[in-house]
Amino acid sequence: MKAINNINPQYIVHTGDIVDNIKLETNYKYLPLYERGLKKFIDCIEGHSATPYYVMGNHDDIDSVIKFSNKGIIFKKGVIEIEGCSFYVSHEYEKSNNKTDYCLFGHSFDPVHHKEEDKVVLNGLLNMNAIALSTGRIYKIEYPLGINYYRKMERGSIGL
């Protein structure tokens, strides 16, 4: 959350698996634990002035996100328009026929960031991405040390 405090973004797009260390898809019995982590995360995100977009991942519970979010825009996938820029957003990478400026996703380490026709494809699992909408410049912000271990997502050791 330090990154949010330092950058002070106007918009935040989270590409799914909000409480990433709890894998609800395979362990739904952990829903109460997930909800505690989710509430803490959402309270922190929504305590800022940014408009949050929450894309539901395979380990998210949409009813819980709806229950705790007061201002978030919640969806599974689709196109969003922000200040004249268009984004195709989904949890898992999928090649989109939509004419958008960006494609954002964050389910697995592949594919890496790349350009696809006239679209910039950004994988949010690799790092946080801050986009200056007025210039299109992308700032890659590394996750804190140990975060991939904590969320059980170290490259080469995904065990789902």
N, C-alpha and C. Protein backbone atom coordinates (compact mmCIF):
# COMPACT_ATOMS: atom_id res chain seq x y z
N MET A 1 0.81 -1.19 0.00
CA MET A 1 0.00 0.00 0.00
C MET A 1 0.86 1.26 0.00
N LYS A 2 2.16 1.07 0.26
CA LYS A 2 3.07 2.21 0.20
C LYS A 2 3.07 2.82 -1.20
N ALA A 3 3.00 1.95 -2.21
CA ALA A 3 3.01 2.44 -3.60
C ALA A 3 1.83 3.37 -3.84
N ILE A 4 0.67 3.03 -3.33
CA ILE A 4 -0.51 3.87 -3.52
C ILE A 4 -0.32 5.21 -2.82
N ASN A 5 0.23 5.17 -1.62
CA ASN A 5 0.49 6.42 -0.90
C ASN A 5 1.50 7.29 -1.65
N ASN A 6 2.54 6.66 -2.20
CA ASN A 6 3.59 7.41 -2.89
C ASN A 6 3.13 7.97 -4.24
N ILE A 7 2.36 7.20 -4.97
CA ILE A 7 1.94 7.60 -6.32
C ILE A 7 0.68 8.46 -6.30
N ASN A 8 -0.23 8.16 -5.37
CA ASN A 8 -1.51 8.84 -5.28
C ASN A 8 -2.26 8.80 -6.62
N PRO A 9 -2.58 7.59 -7.09
CA PRO A 9 -3.23 7.45 -8.40
C PRO A 9 -4.68 7.93 -8.39
N GLN A 10 -5.18 8.25 -9.57
CA GLN A 10 -6.60 8.62 -9.71
C GLN A 10 -7.47 7.39 -9.89
N TYR A 11 -6.88 6.32 -10.44
CA TYR A 11 -7.61 5.08 -10.71
C TYR A 11 -6.73 3.91 -10.31
N ILE A 12 -7.36 2.86 -9.83
CA ILE A 12 -6.66 1.61 -9.51
C ILE A 12 -7.43 0.49 -10.17
N VAL A 13 -6.74 -0.32 -10.97
CA VAL A 13 -7.36 -1.49 -11.59
C VAL A 13 -6.65 -2.72 -11.03
N HIS A 14 -7.39 -3.52 -10.27
CA HIS A 14 -6.83 -4.76 -9.71
C HIS A 14 -7.34 -5.90 -10.57
N THR A 15 -6.43 -6.71 -11.12
CA THR A 15 -6.81 -7.72 -12.11
C THR A 15 -7.09 -9.10 -11.50
N GLY A 16 -7.53 -9.13 -10.28
CA GLY A 16 -8.07 -10.37 -9.72
C GLY A 16 -7.19 -11.09 -8.72
N ASP A 17 -7.82 -12.04 -8.01
CA ASP A 17 -7.23 -12.74 -6.87
C ASP A 17 -6.79 -11.70 -5.85
N ILE A 18 -7.76 -10.99 -5.35
CA ILE A 18 -7.52 -9.84 -4.48
C ILE A 18 -6.79 -10.23 -3.20
N VAL A 19 -7.19 -11.32 -2.58
CA VAL A 19 -6.50 -11.84 -1.41
C VAL A 19 -5.73 -13.06 -1.90
N ASP A 20 -4.59 -12.81 -2.51
CA ASP A 20 -3.92 -13.83 -3.32
C ASP A 20 -3.31 -14.98 -2.53
N ASN A 21 -3.12 -14.83 -1.24
CA ASN A 21 -2.55 -15.94 -0.48
C ASN A 21 -3.60 -16.96 -0.06
N ILE A 22 -4.87 -16.68 -0.32
CA ILE A 22 -5.95 -17.62 -0.01
C ILE A 22 -6.59 -18.05 -1.32
N LYS A 23 -6.44 -19.32 -1.65
CA LYS A 23 -6.89 -19.86 -2.93
C LYS A 23 -8.31 -20.42 -2.79
N LEU A 24 -9.31 -19.53 -2.91
CA LEU A 24 -10.70 -19.94 -2.69
C LEU A 24 -11.18 -20.97 -3.70
N GLU A 25 -10.62 -20.95 -4.90
CA GLU A 25 -11.08 -21.90 -5.92
C GLU A 25 -10.91 -23.34 -5.44
N THR A 26 -9.86 -23.59 -4.67
CA THR A 26 -9.61 -24.95 -4.19
C THR A 26 -9.91 -25.13 -2.70
N ASN A 27 -10.12 -24.05 -1.96
CA ASN A 27 -10.33 -24.12 -0.51
C ASN A 27 -11.42 -23.14 -0.07
N TYR A 28 -12.65 -23.37 -0.49
CA TYR A 28 -13.72 -22.43 -0.18
C TYR A 28 -14.01 -22.35 1.32
N LYS A 29 -13.54 -23.34 2.06
CA LYS A 29 -13.76 -23.32 3.52
C LYS A 29 -13.03 -22.15 4.17
N TYR A 30 -12.10 -21.54 3.45
CA TYR A 30 -11.35 -20.40 4.00
C TYR A 30 -12.03 -19.06 3.73
N LEU A 31 -13.30 -19.08 3.34
CA LEU A 31 -14.01 -17.84 3.04
C LEU A 31 -13.96 -16.83 4.19
N PRO A 32 -14.16 -17.21 5.46
CA PRO A 32 -14.06 -16.21 6.54
C PRO A 32 -12.68 -15.55 6.61
N LEU A 33 -11.63 -16.32 6.42
CA LEU A 33 -10.26 -15.77 6.41
C LEU A 33 -10.06 -14.86 5.20
N TYR A 34 -10.58 -15.29 4.06
CA TYR A 34 -10.53 -14.47 2.84
C TYR A 34 -11.22 -13.13 3.08
N GLU A 35 -12.41 -13.18 3.69
CA GLU A 35 -13.17 -11.96 3.91
C GLU A 35 -12.44 -10.99 4.86
N ARG A 36 -11.73 -11.51 5.85
CA ARG A 36 -10.95 -10.63 6.73
C ARG A 36 -9.86 -9.90 5.94
N GLY A 37 -9.13 -10.65 5.12
CA GLY A 37 -8.09 -10.04 4.29
C GLY A 37 -8.68 -9.10 3.25
N LEU A 38 -9.80 -9.47 2.66
CA LEU A 38 -10.47 -8.65 1.66
C LEU A 38 -10.92 -7.32 2.24
N LYS A 39 -11.55 -7.37 3.41
CA LYS A 39 -12.03 -6.13 4.05
C LYS A 39 -10.86 -5.19 4.33
N LYS A 40 -9.78 -5.73 4.84
CA LYS A 40 -8.59 -4.92 5.13
C LYS A 40 -8.05 -4.29 3.84
N PHE A 41 -7.97 -5.08 2.77
CA PHE A 41 -7.46 -4.58 1.49
C PHE A 41 -8.38 -3.50 0.92
N ILE A 42 -9.66 -3.79 0.87
CA ILE A 42 -10.62 -2.83 0.30
C ILE A 42 -10.67 -1.55 1.12
N ASP A 43 -10.65 -1.67 2.44
CA ASP A 43 -10.63 -0.46 3.29
C ASP A 43 -9.42 0.41 2.96
N CYS A 44 -8.29 -0.23 2.74
CA CYS A 44 -7.07 0.53 2.42
C CYS A 44 -7.19 1.18 1.04
N ILE A 45 -7.61 0.43 0.04
CA ILE A 45 -7.74 0.97 -1.32
C ILE A 45 -8.79 2.09 -1.35
N GLU A 46 -9.93 1.83 -0.74
CA GLU A 46 -11.03 2.80 -0.82
C GLU A 46 -10.88 3.94 0.19
N GLY A 47 -9.83 3.89 0.99
CA GLY A 47 -9.52 5.01 1.86
C GLY A 47 -8.80 6.13 1.12
N HIS A 48 -8.46 5.88 -0.12
CA HIS A 48 -7.82 6.88 -0.98
C HIS A 48 -8.87 7.48 -1.91
N SER A 49 -8.50 8.52 -2.59
CA SER A 49 -9.45 9.19 -3.48
C SER A 49 -9.57 8.50 -4.84
N ALA A 50 -8.72 7.52 -5.12
CA ALA A 50 -8.74 6.83 -6.42
C ALA A 50 -10.05 6.08 -6.64
N THR A 51 -10.44 5.98 -7.90
CA THR A 51 -11.58 5.14 -8.28
C THR A 51 -11.06 3.72 -8.49
N PRO A 52 -11.53 2.75 -7.69
CA PRO A 52 -11.04 1.38 -7.85
C PRO A 52 -11.91 0.53 -8.78
N TYR A 53 -11.23 -0.27 -9.59
CA TYR A 53 -11.87 -1.28 -10.44
C TYR A 53 -11.38 -2.63 -9.96
N TYR A 54 -12.30 -3.53 -9.63
CA TYR A 54 -11.94 -4.86 -9.17
C TYR A 54 -12.39 -5.89 -10.20
N VAL A 55 -11.43 -6.55 -10.83
CA VAL A 55 -11.71 -7.64 -11.76
C VAL A 55 -11.70 -8.93 -10.94
N MET A 56 -12.72 -9.73 -11.06
CA MET A 56 -12.80 -10.96 -10.27
C MET A 56 -11.91 -12.04 -10.87
N GLY A 57 -11.09 -12.63 -10.00
CA GLY A 57 -10.22 -13.73 -10.38
C GLY A 57 -10.82 -15.05 -9.96
N ASN A 58 -10.13 -16.12 -10.30
CA ASN A 58 -10.64 -17.46 -9.99
C ASN A 58 -10.61 -17.75 -8.49
N HIS A 59 -9.91 -16.95 -7.69
CA HIS A 59 -9.87 -17.15 -6.25
C HIS A 59 -10.63 -16.06 -5.50
N ASP A 60 -11.49 -15.34 -6.20
CA ASP A 60 -12.28 -14.28 -5.56
C ASP A 60 -13.73 -14.72 -5.37
N ASP A 61 -14.37 -14.10 -4.41
CA ASP A 61 -15.79 -14.32 -4.17
C ASP A 61 -16.50 -12.98 -4.42
N ILE A 62 -17.23 -12.90 -5.53
CA ILE A 62 -17.84 -11.63 -5.95
C ILE A 62 -18.82 -11.10 -4.91
N ASP A 63 -19.55 -11.99 -4.25
CA ASP A 63 -20.51 -11.54 -3.23
C ASP A 63 -19.80 -10.85 -2.07
N SER A 64 -18.64 -11.37 -1.70
CA SER A 64 -17.87 -10.75 -0.62
C SER A 64 -17.33 -9.39 -1.05
N VAL A 65 -16.86 -9.29 -2.29
CA VAL A 65 -16.33 -8.01 -2.77
C VAL A 65 -17.45 -6.97 -2.80
N ILE A 66 -18.62 -7.37 -3.27
CA ILE A 66 -19.77 -6.46 -3.29
C ILE A 66 -20.12 -6.02 -1.86
N LYS A 67 -20.06 -6.97 -0.92
CA LYS A 67 -20.40 -6.68 0.47
C LYS A 67 -19.48 -5.63 1.10
N PHE A 68 -18.19 -5.68 0.79
CA PHE A 68 -17.23 -4.80 1.45
C PHE A 68 -16.89 -3.52 0.68
N SER A 69 -17.15 -3.50 -0.61
CA SER A 69 -16.79 -2.32 -1.40
C SER A 69 -17.89 -1.27 -1.37
N ASN A 70 -17.49 -0.03 -1.15
CA ASN A 70 -18.43 1.08 -1.16
C ASN A 70 -18.39 1.88 -2.46
N LYS A 71 -17.25 1.85 -3.13
CA LYS A 71 -17.14 2.68 -4.34
C LYS A 71 -16.47 1.96 -5.50
N GLY A 72 -16.13 0.70 -5.32
CA GLY A 72 -15.45 -0.03 -6.39
C GLY A 72 -16.38 -0.40 -7.53
N ILE A 73 -15.81 -0.48 -8.71
CA ILE A 73 -16.52 -0.98 -9.90
C ILE A 73 -16.07 -2.42 -10.06
N ILE A 74 -17.02 -3.35 -9.95
CA ILE A 74 -16.72 -4.77 -9.84
C ILE A 74 -17.24 -5.50 -11.08
N PHE A 75 -16.37 -6.29 -11.71
CA PHE A 75 -16.79 -7.04 -12.89
C PHE A 75 -15.84 -8.19 -13.15
N LYS A 76 -16.20 -9.07 -14.08
CA LYS A 76 -15.37 -10.23 -14.41
C LYS A 76 -14.39 -9.93 -15.52
N LYS A 77 -14.83 -9.27 -16.56
CA LYS A 77 -13.95 -8.83 -17.64
C LYS A 77 -14.72 -7.89 -18.53
N GLY A 78 -13.99 -7.09 -19.30
CA GLY A 78 -14.66 -6.18 -20.20
C GLY A 78 -13.80 -4.99 -20.55
N VAL A 79 -14.41 -4.06 -21.25
CA VAL A 79 -13.72 -2.85 -21.68
C VAL A 79 -14.12 -1.70 -20.75
N ILE A 80 -13.13 -0.97 -20.30
CA ILE A 80 -13.38 0.23 -19.50
C ILE A 80 -12.72 1.42 -20.19
N GLU A 81 -13.35 2.56 -20.08
CA GLU A 81 -12.82 3.81 -20.65
C GLU A 81 -12.46 4.72 -19.49
N ILE A 82 -11.22 5.21 -19.51
CA ILE A 82 -10.76 6.12 -18.47
C ILE A 82 -10.04 7.27 -19.15
N GLU A 83 -10.60 8.45 -19.04
CA GLU A 83 -10.00 9.67 -19.58
C GLU A 83 -9.49 9.52 -21.01
N GLY A 84 -10.33 8.96 -21.87
CA GLY A 84 -9.99 8.85 -23.28
C GLY A 84 -9.14 7.65 -23.64
N CYS A 85 -8.75 6.85 -22.68
CA CYS A 85 -7.98 5.63 -22.94
C CYS A 85 -8.90 4.43 -22.71
N SER A 86 -8.75 3.42 -23.56
CA SER A 86 -9.59 2.22 -23.41
C SER A 86 -8.73 1.04 -22.99
N PHE A 87 -9.30 0.23 -22.11
CA PHE A 87 -8.61 -0.91 -21.52
C PHE A 87 -9.49 -2.14 -21.64
N TYR A 88 -8.93 -3.23 -22.18
CA TYR A 88 -9.60 -4.52 -22.06
C TYR A 88 -9.01 -5.15 -20.82
N VAL A 89 -9.86 -5.50 -19.85
CA VAL A 89 -9.39 -5.99 -18.56
C VAL A 89 -10.02 -7.34 -18.28
N SER A 90 -9.18 -8.30 -17.88
CA SER A 90 -9.65 -9.61 -17.47
C SER A 90 -8.64 -10.21 -16.50
N HIS A 91 -9.03 -11.24 -15.83
CA HIS A 91 -8.09 -11.89 -14.90
C HIS A 91 -7.08 -12.72 -15.69
N GLU A 92 -7.58 -13.56 -16.57
CA GLU A 92 -6.70 -14.39 -17.38
C GLU A 92 -6.44 -13.70 -18.72
N TYR A 93 -5.25 -13.91 -19.25
CA TYR A 93 -4.92 -13.31 -20.54
C TYR A 93 -5.78 -13.93 -21.62
N GLU A 94 -6.34 -13.09 -22.45
CA GLU A 94 -7.03 -13.56 -23.64
C GLU A 94 -6.83 -12.52 -24.72
N LYS A 95 -6.50 -13.01 -25.89
CA LYS A 95 -6.32 -12.11 -27.02
C LYS A 95 -7.69 -11.52 -27.34
N SER A 96 -7.75 -10.22 -27.37
CA SER A 96 -9.03 -9.54 -27.55
C SER A 96 -9.12 -8.91 -28.92
N ASN A 97 -10.28 -9.03 -29.53
CA ASN A 97 -10.54 -8.37 -30.81
C ASN A 97 -10.99 -6.93 -30.60
N ASN A 98 -11.20 -6.56 -29.33
CA ASN A 98 -11.61 -5.19 -29.03
C ASN A 98 -10.49 -4.23 -29.40
N LYS A 99 -10.85 -3.13 -29.99
CA LYS A 99 -9.88 -2.09 -30.33
C LYS A 99 -9.66 -1.23 -29.09
N THR A 100 -8.71 -1.62 -28.27
CA THR A 100 -8.41 -0.88 -27.06
C THR A 100 -6.94 -0.46 -27.07
N ASP A 101 -6.63 0.47 -26.20
CA ASP A 101 -5.24 0.94 -26.08
C ASP A 101 -4.39 -0.02 -25.26
N TYR A 102 -5.02 -0.65 -24.27
CA TYR A 102 -4.31 -1.52 -23.35
C TYR A 102 -5.09 -2.79 -23.09
N CYS A 103 -4.36 -3.84 -22.74
CA CYS A 103 -4.95 -5.09 -22.24
C CYS A 103 -4.28 -5.37 -20.91
N LEU A 104 -5.07 -5.47 -19.84
CA LEU A 104 -4.56 -5.70 -18.49
C LEU A 104 -5.06 -7.05 -17.99
N PHE A 105 -4.17 -7.83 -17.39
CA PHE A 105 -4.56 -9.12 -16.82
C PHE A 105 -3.59 -9.46 -15.70
N GLY A 106 -3.81 -10.57 -14.99
CA GLY A 106 -2.91 -10.89 -13.89
C GLY A 106 -3.10 -12.26 -13.27
N HIS A 107 -3.30 -13.28 -14.09
CA HIS A 107 -3.54 -14.63 -13.56
C HIS A 107 -2.26 -15.46 -13.46
N SER A 108 -1.40 -15.36 -14.44
CA SER A 108 -0.18 -16.17 -14.46
C SER A 108 0.99 -15.33 -14.97
N PHE A 109 2.19 -15.87 -14.84
CA PHE A 109 3.38 -15.12 -15.22
C PHE A 109 3.52 -14.95 -16.74
N ASP A 110 2.82 -15.72 -17.51
CA ASP A 110 2.90 -15.64 -18.97
C ASP A 110 1.55 -15.28 -19.56
N PRO A 111 1.52 -14.51 -20.63
CA PRO A 111 2.68 -13.93 -21.30
C PRO A 111 3.21 -12.71 -20.53
N VAL A 112 4.41 -12.33 -20.86
CA VAL A 112 5.02 -11.14 -20.26
C VAL A 112 4.46 -9.92 -20.98
N HIS A 113 4.83 -8.74 -20.52
CA HIS A 113 4.41 -7.50 -21.17
C HIS A 113 4.85 -7.53 -22.64
N HIS A 114 3.98 -7.05 -23.51
CA HIS A 114 4.34 -6.98 -24.92
C HIS A 114 3.39 -6.04 -25.66
N LYS A 115 3.68 -5.81 -26.90
CA LYS A 115 2.82 -4.99 -27.75
C LYS A 115 2.13 -5.95 -28.71
N GLU A 116 0.85 -5.75 -28.90
CA GLU A 116 0.04 -6.62 -29.74
C GLU A 116 -0.75 -5.73 -30.68
N GLU A 117 -0.32 -5.66 -31.94
CA GLU A 117 -0.89 -4.72 -32.89
C GLU A 117 -0.77 -3.31 -32.33
N ASP A 118 -1.86 -2.61 -32.10
CA ASP A 118 -1.78 -1.25 -31.56
C ASP A 118 -2.07 -1.21 -30.06
N LYS A 119 -1.97 -2.34 -29.40
CA LYS A 119 -2.36 -2.46 -27.99
C LYS A 119 -1.14 -2.82 -27.13
N VAL A 120 -1.05 -2.21 -25.96
CA VAL A 120 -0.02 -2.56 -24.99
C VAL A 120 -0.63 -3.58 -24.03
N VAL A 121 0.04 -4.72 -23.87
CA VAL A 121 -0.44 -5.80 -23.01
C VAL A 121 0.42 -5.82 -21.75
N LEU A 122 -0.23 -5.67 -20.59
CA LEU A 122 0.49 -5.59 -19.31
C LEU A 122 0.02 -6.68 -18.35
N ASN A 123 0.97 -7.44 -17.86
CA ASN A 123 0.71 -8.52 -16.92
C ASN A 123 0.94 -7.99 -15.50
N GLY A 124 -0.14 -7.80 -14.75
CA GLY A 124 -0.06 -7.26 -13.41
C GLY A 124 0.49 -8.21 -12.37
N LEU A 125 0.70 -9.47 -12.74
CA LEU A 125 1.29 -10.41 -11.79
C LEU A 125 2.81 -10.19 -11.71
N LEU A 126 3.39 -9.70 -12.79
CA LEU A 126 4.85 -9.50 -12.83
C LEU A 126 5.28 -8.31 -11.99
N ASN A 127 4.49 -7.25 -12.01
CA ASN A 127 4.77 -6.03 -11.27
C ASN A 127 3.54 -5.14 -11.33
N MET A 128 3.53 -4.09 -10.52
CA MET A 128 2.46 -3.10 -10.62
C MET A 128 2.81 -2.20 -11.80
N ASN A 129 1.80 -1.75 -12.50
CA ASN A 129 2.00 -0.86 -13.64
C ASN A 129 1.24 0.43 -13.41
N ALA A 130 1.93 1.53 -13.48
CA ALA A 130 1.30 2.85 -13.38
C ALA A 130 1.39 3.47 -14.76
N ILE A 131 0.26 3.92 -15.28
CA ILE A 131 0.22 4.50 -16.61
C ILE A 131 -0.13 5.98 -16.50
N ALA A 132 0.72 6.82 -17.05
CA ALA A 132 0.42 8.25 -17.14
C ALA A 132 -0.51 8.39 -18.34
N LEU A 133 -1.79 8.58 -18.09
CA LEU A 133 -2.78 8.58 -19.18
C LEU A 133 -2.54 9.68 -20.20
N SER A 134 -2.01 10.80 -19.78
CA SER A 134 -1.80 11.93 -20.71
C SER A 134 -0.68 11.66 -21.71
N THR A 135 0.30 10.83 -21.33
CA THR A 135 1.44 10.56 -22.22
C THR A 135 1.52 9.12 -22.68
N GLY A 136 0.86 8.21 -21.96
CA GLY A 136 0.95 6.79 -22.26
C GLY A 136 2.19 6.13 -21.66
N ARG A 137 2.98 6.90 -20.95
CA ARG A 137 4.19 6.34 -20.35
C ARG A 137 3.80 5.35 -19.25
N ILE A 138 4.50 4.21 -19.25
CA ILE A 138 4.22 3.15 -18.28
C ILE A 138 5.38 3.06 -17.30
N TYR A 139 5.04 3.08 -16.02
CA TYR A 139 6.03 2.93 -14.96
C TYR A 139 5.83 1.56 -14.33
N LYS A 140 6.86 0.75 -14.36
CA LYS A 140 6.79 -0.58 -13.75
C LYS A 140 7.31 -0.47 -12.32
N ILE A 141 6.48 -0.89 -11.38
CA ILE A 141 6.82 -0.80 -9.96
C ILE A 141 6.92 -2.22 -9.41
N GLU A 142 8.08 -2.56 -8.92
CA GLU A 142 8.30 -3.92 -8.41
C GLU A 142 7.48 -4.14 -7.13
N TYR A 143 7.02 -5.38 -6.97
CA TYR A 143 6.35 -5.74 -5.73
C TYR A 143 7.39 -5.81 -4.61
N PRO A 144 6.98 -5.58 -3.38
CA PRO A 144 7.93 -5.68 -2.26
C PRO A 144 8.57 -7.07 -2.20
N LEU A 145 9.78 -7.12 -1.73
CA LEU A 145 10.53 -8.37 -1.59
C LEU A 145 9.71 -9.36 -0.77
N GLY A 146 9.60 -10.57 -1.26
CA GLY A 146 8.90 -11.63 -0.55
C GLY A 146 7.42 -11.74 -0.86
N ILE A 147 6.87 -10.80 -1.62
CA ILE A 147 5.42 -10.83 -1.87
C ILE A 147 5.00 -12.07 -2.65
N ASN A 148 5.81 -12.52 -3.61
CA ASN A 148 5.44 -13.71 -4.37
C ASN A 148 5.47 -14.97 -3.51
N TYR A 149 6.38 -15.01 -2.54
CA TYR A 149 6.40 -16.13 -1.60
C TYR A 149 5.12 -16.12 -0.76
N TYR A 150 4.76 -14.94 -0.26
CA TYR A 150 3.58 -14.79 0.58
C TYR A 150 2.31 -15.19 -0.16
N ARG A 151 2.20 -14.80 -1.41
CA ARG A 151 0.99 -15.14 -2.16
C ARG A 151 1.10 -16.48 -2.90
N LYS A 152 2.15 -17.24 -2.56
CA LYS A 152 2.34 -18.60 -3.10
C LYS A 152 2.43 -18.58 -4.63
N MET A 153 3.17 -17.61 -5.14
CA MET A 153 3.26 -17.44 -6.60
C MET A 153 4.70 -17.28 -7.08
N GLU A 154 5.66 -17.90 -6.42
CA GLU A 154 7.03 -17.76 -6.89
C GLU A 154 7.15 -18.43 -8.25
N ARG A 155 7.83 -17.76 -9.15
CA ARG A 155 8.02 -18.27 -10.50
C ARG A 155 8.65 -19.66 -10.42
N GLY A 156 8.02 -20.60 -11.12
CA GLY A 156 8.56 -21.94 -11.16
C GLY A 156 8.03 -22.84 -10.04
N SER A 157 7.25 -22.30 -9.10
CA SER A 157 6.77 -23.14 -8.01
C SER A 157 5.27 -23.00 -7.78
N ILE A 158 4.55 -22.63 -8.83
CA ILE A 158 3.10 -22.53 -8.70
C ILE A 158 2.53 -23.95 -8.58
N GLY A 159 1.79 -24.19 -7.57
CA GLY A 159 1.30 -25.55 -7.33
C GLY A 159 -0.20 -25.65 -7.33
N LEU A 160 -0.86 -25.15 -8.34
CA LEU A 160 -2.33 -25.24 -8.38
C LEU A 160 -2.77 -26.37 -9.24
